[in-house]
Protein backbone atom coordinates (compact mmCIF):
# COMPACT_ATOMS: atom_id res chain seq x y z
CA MET A 1 33.17 58.05 71.71
CA MET A 2 36.88 58.25 72.43
CA THR A 3 39.26 58.72 69.53
CA LEU A 4 42.84 57.58 69.50
CA PRO A 5 45.52 60.22 69.06
CA GLY A 6 45.93 60.89 65.37
CA ALA A 7 42.55 59.50 64.36
CA SER A 8 41.12 62.85 63.35
CA LYS A 9 38.16 62.34 61.07
CA LYS A 10 37.89 66.09 60.55
CA GLY A 11 41.34 66.65 59.10
CA PHE A 12 42.65 63.26 58.02
CA CYS A 13 46.18 64.40 58.94
CA PHE A 14 46.61 61.28 61.02
CA ILE A 15 50.33 61.40 61.78
CA THR A 16 50.50 65.17 62.14
CA THR A 17 47.39 65.12 64.34
CA ALA A 18 48.94 62.47 66.59
CA VAL A 19 52.15 64.47 66.89
CA CYS A 20 50.31 67.70 67.69
CA GLU A 21 47.98 65.99 70.19
CA ARG A 22 51.03 64.60 72.02
CA GLN A 23 52.31 68.18 72.21
CA ASP A 24 48.94 69.34 73.60
CA LYS A 25 48.28 71.51 70.55
CA PRO A 26 44.68 72.20 69.49
CA ASP A 27 43.12 70.84 66.31
CA ASP A 28 43.41 74.31 64.78
CA CYS A 29 47.11 74.78 65.60
CA TYR A 30 49.42 76.35 63.04
CA GLU A 31 51.04 73.04 62.08
CA LEU A 32 47.78 71.24 61.35
CA MET A 33 46.22 74.21 59.56
CA THR A 34 49.34 74.67 57.41
CA LEU A 35 49.60 71.02 56.42
CA ARG A 36 45.86 70.71 55.78
CA ALA A 37 45.95 73.76 53.52
CA TYR A 38 48.96 72.28 51.74
CA ARG A 39 47.07 69.02 51.21
CA ASP A 40 43.87 70.72 50.05
CA GLU A 41 45.39 73.45 47.89
CA TYR A 42 48.52 71.80 46.55
CA LEU A 43 48.35 68.01 46.67
CA MET A 44 44.66 67.71 45.81
CA SER A 45 45.15 69.89 42.73
CA THR A 46 46.85 67.08 40.76
CA GLU A 47 46.03 63.47 40.01
CA ASP A 48 49.36 62.28 41.46
CA GLY A 49 48.78 64.35 44.59
CA ARG A 50 45.29 62.94 45.07
CA ALA A 51 46.64 59.40 44.66
CA LEU A 52 49.30 60.11 47.28
CA VAL A 53 46.68 61.47 49.70
CA ASP A 54 44.44 58.43 49.11
CA GLU A 55 47.36 56.08 49.80
CA TYR A 56 48.19 58.04 52.96
CA TYR A 57 44.59 57.70 54.20
CA ASP A 58 44.90 53.94 53.75
CA ILE A 59 48.15 53.43 55.63
CA ALA A 60 48.53 56.29 58.15
CA PRO A 61 45.83 55.17 60.62
CA GLY A 62 47.59 51.81 61.03
CA ILE A 63 50.95 53.52 61.52
CA VAL A 64 49.51 55.79 64.23
CA GLN A 65 47.79 52.86 65.94
CA ILE A 66 51.05 50.91 66.15
CA ILE A 67 53.10 53.94 67.29
CA ASN A 68 50.50 54.57 70.02
CA MET A 69 51.20 51.06 71.35
CA GLN A 70 54.94 51.73 71.68
CA LYS A 71 56.37 52.48 75.13
CA ASP A 72 58.35 55.35 73.61
CA ALA A 73 55.48 56.84 71.57
CA ASP A 74 56.10 60.33 72.94
CA GLU A 75 59.73 60.21 71.82
CA ILE A 76 58.76 58.81 68.41
CA TYR A 77 56.28 61.63 67.87
CA GLU A 78 58.80 64.25 69.05
CA GLU A 79 61.37 62.93 66.57
CA LEU A 80 58.78 63.02 63.78
CA TYR A 81 58.04 66.62 64.63
CA LYS A 82 61.68 67.66 64.72
CA ASN A 83 62.89 65.64 61.73
CA CYS A 84 59.94 65.90 59.35
CA LEU A 85 56.96 68.04 60.31
CA ALA A 86 58.86 71.19 61.25
CA PRO A 87 61.05 70.95 58.12
CA CYS A 88 57.94 70.34 55.96
CA ILE A 89 56.29 73.44 57.36
CA SER A 90 59.46 75.43 56.68
CA CYS A 91 59.38 74.19 53.08
CA ILE A 92 55.75 75.26 52.69
CA GLU A 93 56.54 78.69 54.14
CA ALA A 94 59.42 79.02 51.65
CA GLY A 95 57.22 77.98 48.71
CA GLU A 96 59.10 74.68 48.32
CA GLU A 97 56.02 72.47 48.05
CA GLU A 98 57.75 69.62 46.23
CA GLN A 99 60.46 69.46 48.90
CA CYS A 100 57.70 69.15 51.52
CA ARG A 101 56.09 66.38 49.50
CA GLU A 102 59.40 64.49 49.32
CA LEU A 103 60.05 64.86 53.06
CA TYR A 104 56.56 63.80 54.11
CA THR A 105 56.48 60.90 51.65
CA ARG A 106 59.89 59.69 52.88
CA MET A 107 58.64 59.89 56.48
CA VAL A 108 55.47 57.90 55.71
CA ARG A 109 57.37 55.27 53.70
CA GLY A 110 59.91 54.87 56.52
CA LEU A 111 57.17 54.52 59.12
CA GLN A 112 55.28 52.10 56.90
CA LYS A 113 58.37 49.92 56.52
CA LYS A 114 59.21 50.07 60.24
CA TYR A 115 55.74 49.58 61.75
CA LEU A 116 53.59 47.86 59.15
CA TYR A 117 56.05 45.61 57.33
CA SER A 118 58.48 44.70 60.08
């Protein structure tokens, strides 16, 4: 069975997975492992964090599916990496978990508005 970029059932980091797959990074790359650990150890430790993760699981697959249909998908994913994922990882490394949460949430909300509600 072929899976679309970003449709990782193992990690459920749909957008990050799609970005990393476009960059030919493995499923156990530093970015994915860091953000999965952040999700599991930080976000899933609170009720609000779990609700945010659940909402993300509902909307992110649709966002990735629509981005994958864009002619400039590679550029979109590269911009997401540069403008959100790399800064989020830097926040995690610096112990600024809430800043990461704000950045990632802003990214998802922007993508949701652009690709799902346009």
